[in-house]
Amino acid sequence: MNALDILKAQHRKVAALFAELDGAASFSARRGKLWELADALVVHAAIEENNFYPSVMMKATGPLLRDALAGHAEIKRVVIELLELEPDDATFEAKASLLRDEVQHHIEEEESELFPRVERLFTEEALAAIGEAMEVTQATLWRDHGRGRGRAAVVNGADNPAPRRLTSALLRLRRA
């Protein structure tokens, strides 16, 4: 699949996860949706930072890619802050809104500025090759992510095998 199509599909998935987070009625459901959203954002950032951005880095895209990386850093910071809160914390809604705004701004910049430029500069074959590498990285991340029980077993109950290794790694980095 074309790299841009993969990223756009992930953008739609993240938007849907925000809607699910908004609609989650219980503490447990809200916490679970937050972890699911955080994991999707971590995987998305990883394939962009490890595959897409290096592959499309050139003079014409450099400033946009630097802005995108700065956006990733801010999104990761807010994700970590949100995960450290309880969903019934008074600041949870404000932080969730900030995260939504940061992600939406990032998506809008990529889809309106970066992606059209990349589409003009790279052939369909090149974008397909980048997409293949992104799919391999994504599959590896989810496969490796699925080997452990992670924090979700604590958050969502011992019977929930959903792991949260990737996002938990972000939390450990913050605490280090």
C-alpha atoms as a PDB file:
ATOM      1  CA  MET A   1       0.000   0.000   0.000  1.00  0.00           C
ATOM      2  CA  ASN A   2       1.110   3.538  -0.708  1.00  0.00           C
ATOM      3  CA  ALA A   3       2.785   5.245   2.291  1.00  0.00           C
ATOM      4  CA  LEU A   4       0.408   8.203   2.162  1.00  0.00           C
ATOM      5  CA  ASP A   5      -2.648   5.929   2.113  1.00  0.00           C
ATOM      6  CA  ILE A   6      -1.354   4.099   5.192  1.00  0.00           C
ATOM      7  CA  LEU A   7      -0.814   7.326   7.096  1.00  0.00           C
ATOM      8  CA  LYS A   8      -4.187   8.750   6.087  1.00  0.00           C
ATOM      9  CA  ALA A   9      -5.906   5.528   7.225  1.00  0.00           C
ATOM     10  CA  GLN A  10      -4.116   5.789  10.557  1.00  0.00           C
ATOM     11  CA  HIS A  11      -5.242   9.404  10.869  1.00  0.00           C
ATOM     12  CA  ARG A  12      -8.871   8.275  10.403  1.00  0.00           C
ATOM     13  CA  LYS A  13      -8.387   5.493  12.979  1.00  0.00           C
ATOM     14  CA  VAL A  14      -7.037   7.966  15.537  1.00  0.00           C
ATOM     15  CA  ALA A  15     -10.011  10.278  14.926  1.00  0.00           C
ATOM     16  CA  ALA A  16     -12.358   7.333  15.525  1.00  0.00           C
ATOM     17  CA  LEU A  17     -10.515   6.457  18.751  1.00  0.00           C
ATOM     18  CA  PHE A  18     -10.972  10.029  20.004  1.00  0.00           C
ATOM     19  CA  ALA A  19     -14.712   9.673  19.351  1.00  0.00           C
ATOM     20  CA  GLU A  20     -14.752   6.369  21.257  1.00  0.00           C
ATOM     21  CA  LEU A  21     -12.859   7.968  24.143  1.00  0.00           C
ATOM     22  CA  ASP A  22     -15.451  10.747  24.236  1.00  0.00           C
ATOM     23  CA  GLY A  23     -18.258   8.186  24.293  1.00  0.00           C
ATOM     24  CA  ALA A  24     -16.769   5.902  26.939  1.00  0.00           C
ATOM     25  CA  ALA A  25     -19.151   5.900  29.878  1.00  0.00           C
ATOM     26  CA  SER A  26     -17.247   4.073  32.590  1.00  0.00           C
ATOM     27  CA  PHE A  27     -13.910   4.704  34.233  1.00  0.00           C
ATOM     28  CA  SER A  28     -12.631   1.340  32.976  1.00  0.00           C
ATOM     29  CA  ALA A  29     -13.817   1.915  29.399  1.00  0.00           C
ATOM     30  CA  ARG A  30     -12.339   5.397  29.336  1.00  0.00           C
ATOM     31  CA  ARG A  31      -8.984   4.168  30.635  1.00  0.00           C
ATOM     32  CA  GLY A  32      -8.952   1.351  28.073  1.00  0.00           C
ATOM     33  CA  LYS A  33      -9.754   3.716  25.189  1.00  0.00           C
ATOM     34  CA  LEU A  34      -7.036   6.093  26.329  1.00  0.00           C
ATOM     35  CA  TRP A  35      -4.456   3.293  26.256  1.00  0.00           C
ATOM     36  CA  GLU A  36      -5.719   2.132  22.848  1.00  0.00           C
ATOM     37  CA  LEU A  37      -5.416   5.678  21.523  1.00  0.00           C
ATOM     38  CA  ALA A  38      -1.961   6.097  23.053  1.00  0.00           C
ATOM     39  CA  ASP A  39      -0.783   2.851  21.488  1.00  0.00           C
ATOM     40  CA  ALA A  40      -2.115   3.859  18.060  1.00  0.00           C
ATOM     41  CA  LEU A  41      -0.334   7.207  18.340  1.00  0.00           C
ATOM     42  CA  VAL A  42       2.941   5.567  19.400  1.00  0.00           C
ATOM     43  CA  VAL A  43       2.873   3.103  16.481  1.00  0.00           C
ATOM     44  CA  HIS A  44       1.937   5.865  14.053  1.00  0.00           C
ATOM     45  CA  ALA A  45       4.793   8.078  15.268  1.00  0.00           C
ATOM     46  CA  ALA A  46       7.224   5.165  15.099  1.00  0.00           C
ATOM     47  CA  ILE A  47       6.523   4.353  11.455  1.00  0.00           C
ATOM     48  CA  GLU A  48       6.635   8.012  10.511  1.00  0.00           C
ATOM     49  CA  GLU A  49       9.877   8.668  12.385  1.00  0.00           C
ATOM     50  CA  ASN A  50      11.623   5.430  11.385  1.00  0.00           C
ATOM     51  CA  ASN A  51      10.375   4.928   7.834  1.00  0.00           C
ATOM     52  CA  PHE A  52       8.418   7.753   6.280  1.00  0.00           C
ATOM     53  CA  TYR A  53      10.253  10.898   7.372  1.00  0.00           C
ATOM     54  CA  PRO A  54      13.765   9.600   6.623  1.00  0.00           C
ATOM     55  CA  SER A  55      12.596   8.318   3.230  1.00  0.00           C
ATOM     56  CA  VAL A  56      11.108  11.639   2.147  1.00  0.00           C
ATOM     57  CA  MET A  57      13.692  13.951   3.722  1.00  0.00           C
ATOM     58  CA  MET A  58      15.019  16.412   1.191  1.00  0.00           C
ATOM     59  CA  LYS A  59      15.449  20.157   0.930  1.00  0.00           C
ATOM     60  CA  ALA A  60      11.842  20.657  -0.191  1.00  0.00           C
ATOM     61  CA  THR A  61      10.378  18.669   2.725  1.00  0.00           C
ATOM     62  CA  GLY A  62      12.907  19.339   5.503  1.00  0.00           C
ATOM     63  CA  PRO A  63      11.141  22.259   7.219  1.00  0.00           C
ATOM     64  CA  LEU A  64       7.803  20.421   7.204  1.00  0.00           C
ATOM     65  CA  LEU A  65       9.410  17.276   8.606  1.00  0.00           C
ATOM     66  CA  ARG A  66      11.120  19.226  11.388  1.00  0.00           C
ATOM     67  CA  ASP A  67       7.756  20.749  12.310  1.00  0.00           C
ATOM     68  CA  ALA A  68       6.155  17.309  12.247  1.00  0.00           C
ATOM     69  CA  LEU A  69       8.824  15.911  14.581  1.00  0.00           C
ATOM     70  CA  ALA A  70       8.274  18.815  16.970  1.00  0.00           C
ATOM     71  CA  GLY A  71       4.558  17.993  16.846  1.00  0.00           C
ATOM     72  CA  HIS A  72       5.313  14.370  17.698  1.00  0.00           C
ATOM     73  CA  ALA A  73       7.334  15.439  20.725  1.00  0.00           C
ATOM     74  CA  GLU A  74       4.445  17.572  21.999  1.00  0.00           C
ATOM     75  CA  ILE A  75       1.892  14.819  21.356  1.00  0.00           C
ATOM     76  CA  LYS A  76       4.027  12.290  23.230  1.00  0.00           C
ATOM     77  CA  ARG A  77       4.391  14.698  26.153  1.00  0.00           C
ATOM     78  CA  VAL A  78       0.628  15.171  26.414  1.00  0.00           C
ATOM     79  CA  VAL A  79      -0.017  11.416  26.039  1.00  0.00           C
ATOM     80  CA  ILE A  80       2.302  10.719  28.944  1.00  0.00           C
ATOM     81  CA  GLU A  81       0.669  13.386  31.088  1.00  0.00           C
ATOM     82  CA  LEU A  82      -2.783  11.975  30.310  1.00  0.00           C
ATOM     83  CA  LEU A  83      -1.766   8.411  31.093  1.00  0.00           C
ATOM     84  CA  GLU A  84      -0.466   9.531  34.457  1.00  0.00           C
ATOM     85  CA  LEU A  85      -3.902  10.983  35.351  1.00  0.00           C
ATOM     86  CA  GLU A  86      -6.964   9.121  36.478  1.00  0.00           C
ATOM     87  CA  PRO A  87      -9.849   9.559  34.010  1.00  0.00           C
ATOM     88  CA  ASP A  88     -11.918  11.166  36.756  1.00  0.00           C
ATOM     89  CA  ASP A  89      -9.179  13.739  37.486  1.00  0.00           C
ATOM     90  CA  ALA A  90     -10.427  17.314  37.120  1.00  0.00           C
ATOM     91  CA  THR A  91      -7.748  18.055  34.488  1.00  0.00           C
ATOM     92  CA  PHE A  92      -8.371  14.938  32.380  1.00  0.00           C
ATOM     93  CA  GLU A  93     -10.858  16.582  30.011  1.00  0.00           C
ATOM     94  CA  ALA A  94      -8.603  19.590  29.447  1.00  0.00           C
ATOM     95  CA  LYS A  95      -5.596  17.360  28.713  1.00  0.00           C
ATOM     96  CA  ALA A  96      -7.658  15.107  26.428  1.00  0.00           C
ATOM     97  CA  SER A  97      -8.854  18.210  24.571  1.00  0.00           C
ATOM     98  CA  LEU A  98      -5.272  19.473  24.269  1.00  0.00           C
ATOM     99  CA  LEU A  99      -4.180  16.103  22.880  1.00  0.00           C
ATOM    100  CA  ARG A 100      -7.046  16.106  20.377  1.00  0.00           C
ATOM    101  CA  ASP A 101      -6.104  19.628  19.259  1.00  0.00           C
ATOM    102  CA  GLU A 102      -2.406  18.747  18.908  1.00  0.00           C
ATOM    103  CA  VAL A 103      -3.170  15.594  16.922  1.00  0.00           C
ATOM    104  CA  GLN A 104      -5.705  17.373  14.706  1.00  0.00           C
ATOM    105  CA  HIS A 105      -3.233  20.177  13.986  1.00  0.00           C
ATOM    106  CA  HIS A 106      -0.538  17.600  13.137  1.00  0.00           C
ATOM    107  CA  ILE A 107      -2.899  15.727  10.807  1.00  0.00           C
ATOM    108  CA  GLU A 108      -4.021  18.915   9.072  1.00  0.00           C
ATOM    109  CA  GLU A 109      -0.431  20.045   8.459  1.00  0.00           C
ATOM    110  CA  GLU A 110       0.603  16.663   7.108  1.00  0.00           C
ATOM    111  CA  GLU A 111      -2.412  16.203   4.871  1.00  0.00           C
ATOM    112  CA  SER A 112      -2.557  19.771   3.542  1.00  0.00           C
ATOM    113  CA  GLU A 113       1.153  20.572   3.207  1.00  0.00           C
ATOM    114  CA  LEU A 114       3.503  17.605   3.559  1.00  0.00           C
ATOM    115  CA  PHE A 115       1.566  14.872   1.764  1.00  0.00           C
ATOM    116  CA  PRO A 116       0.809  16.908  -1.392  1.00  0.00           C
ATOM    117  CA  ARG A 117       4.460  17.924  -1.601  1.00  0.00           C
ATOM    118  CA  VAL A 118       5.631  14.321  -1.154  1.00  0.00           C
ATOM    119  CA  GLU A 119       3.123  13.181  -3.765  1.00  0.00           C
ATOM    120  CA  ARG A 120       4.597  15.655  -6.268  1.00  0.00           C
ATOM    121  CA  LEU A 121       8.207  14.715  -5.490  1.00  0.00           C
ATOM    122  CA  PHE A 122       7.998  10.908  -5.324  1.00  0.00           C
ATOM    123  CA  THR A 123       6.784   8.319  -7.791  1.00  0.00           C
ATOM    124  CA  GLU A 124       3.977   5.922  -6.986  1.00  0.00           C
ATOM    125  CA  GLU A 125       6.560   3.114  -6.972  1.00  0.00           C
ATOM    126  CA  ALA A 126       8.690   4.953  -4.404  1.00  0.00           C
ATOM    127  CA  LEU A 127       5.666   5.612  -2.203  1.00  0.00           C
ATOM    128  CA  ALA A 128       4.650   1.952  -2.481  1.00  0.00           C
ATOM    129  CA  ALA A 129       8.158   0.863  -1.419  1.00  0.00           C
ATOM    130  CA  ILE A 130       8.083   3.240   1.562  1.00  0.00           C
ATOM    131  CA  GLY A 131       4.630   1.891   2.402  1.00  0.00           C
ATOM    132  CA  GLU A 132       5.927  -1.684   2.377  1.00  0.00           C
ATOM    133  CA  ALA A 133       8.680  -0.774   4.829  1.00  0.00           C
ATOM    134  CA  MET A 134       6.140   1.016   7.018  1.00  0.00           C
ATOM    135  CA  GLU A 135       3.868  -2.035   7.034  1.00  0.00           C
ATOM    136  CA  VAL A 136       6.752  -4.271   8.098  1.00  0.00           C
ATOM    137  CA  THR A 137       7.682  -1.913  10.926  1.00  0.00           C
ATOM    138  CA  GLN A 138       4.062  -1.598  12.002  1.00  0.00           C
ATOM    139  CA  ALA A 139       3.514  -5.365  11.992  1.00  0.00           C
ATOM    140  CA  THR A 140       6.704  -5.890  13.986  1.00  0.00           C
ATOM    141  CA  LEU A 141       5.701  -3.293  16.562  1.00  0.00           C
ATOM    142  CA  TRP A 142       2.242  -4.781  17.054  1.00  0.00           C
ATOM    143  CA  ARG A 143       3.592  -8.351  17.106  1.00  0.00           C
ATOM    144  CA  ASP A 144       6.261  -7.498  19.673  1.00  0.00           C
ATOM    145  CA  HIS A 145       3.752  -5.367  21.545  1.00  0.00           C
ATOM    146  CA  GLY A 146       1.430  -8.357  21.777  1.00  0.00           C
ATOM    147  CA  ARG A 147       3.873 -10.578  23.642  1.00  0.00           C
ATOM    148  CA  GLY A 148       3.416  -9.069  27.080  1.00  0.00           C
ATOM    149  CA  ARG A 149       0.539  -8.214  29.342  1.00  0.00           C
ATOM    150  CA  GLY A 150       1.766  -4.736  30.224  1.00  0.00           C
ATOM    151  CA  ARG A 151      -0.113  -2.109  32.183  1.00  0.00           C
ATOM    152  CA  ALA A 152      -3.514  -2.848  30.637  1.00  0.00           C
ATOM    153  CA  ALA A 153      -3.802  -6.005  32.735  1.00  0.00           C
ATOM    154  CA  VAL A 154      -3.703  -3.773  35.803  1.00  0.00           C
ATOM    155  CA  VAL A 155      -5.883  -1.022  34.343  1.00  0.00           C
ATOM    156  CA  ASN A 156      -8.530  -3.175  32.682  1.00  0.00           C
ATOM    157  CA  GLY A 157      -8.494  -6.248  34.909  1.00  0.00           C
ATOM    158  CA  ALA A 158      -6.350  -9.358  35.091  1.00  0.00           C
ATOM    159  CA  ASP A 159      -8.416 -11.162  32.430  1.00  0.00           C
ATOM    160  CA  ASN A 160      -7.604  -8.548  29.802  1.00  0.00           C
ATOM    161  CA  PRO A 161      -4.478  -9.722  27.948  1.00  0.00           C
ATOM    162  CA  ALA A 162      -4.189  -6.499  25.940  1.00  0.00           C
ATOM    163  CA  PRO A 163      -0.587  -5.369  26.308  1.00  0.00           C
ATOM    164  CA  ARG A 164       0.612  -1.828  26.495  1.00  0.00           C
ATOM    165  CA  ARG A 165       4.347  -2.258  26.167  1.00  0.00           C
ATOM    166  CA  LEU A 166       4.963   0.505  23.646  1.00  0.00           C
ATOM    167  CA  THR A 167       3.156   3.172  25.578  1.00  0.00           C
ATOM    168  CA  SER A 168       4.472   1.838  28.884  1.00  0.00           C
ATOM    169  CA  ALA A 169       7.970   2.296  27.469  1.00  0.00           C
ATOM    170  CA  LEU A 170       7.154   5.970  26.926  1.00  0.00           C
ATOM    171  CA  LEU A 171       6.120   6.264  30.565  1.00  0.00           C
ATOM    172  CA  ARG A 172       9.338   4.613  31.741  1.00  0.00           C
ATOM    173  CA  LEU A 173      11.394   7.030  29.635  1.00  0.00           C
ATOM    174  CA  ARG A 174       9.624   9.978  31.234  1.00  0.00           C
ATOM    175  CA  ARG A 175      10.342   8.692  34.712  1.00  0.00           C
ATOM    176  CA  ALA A 176      14.014   8.015  33.971  1.00  0.00           C
END
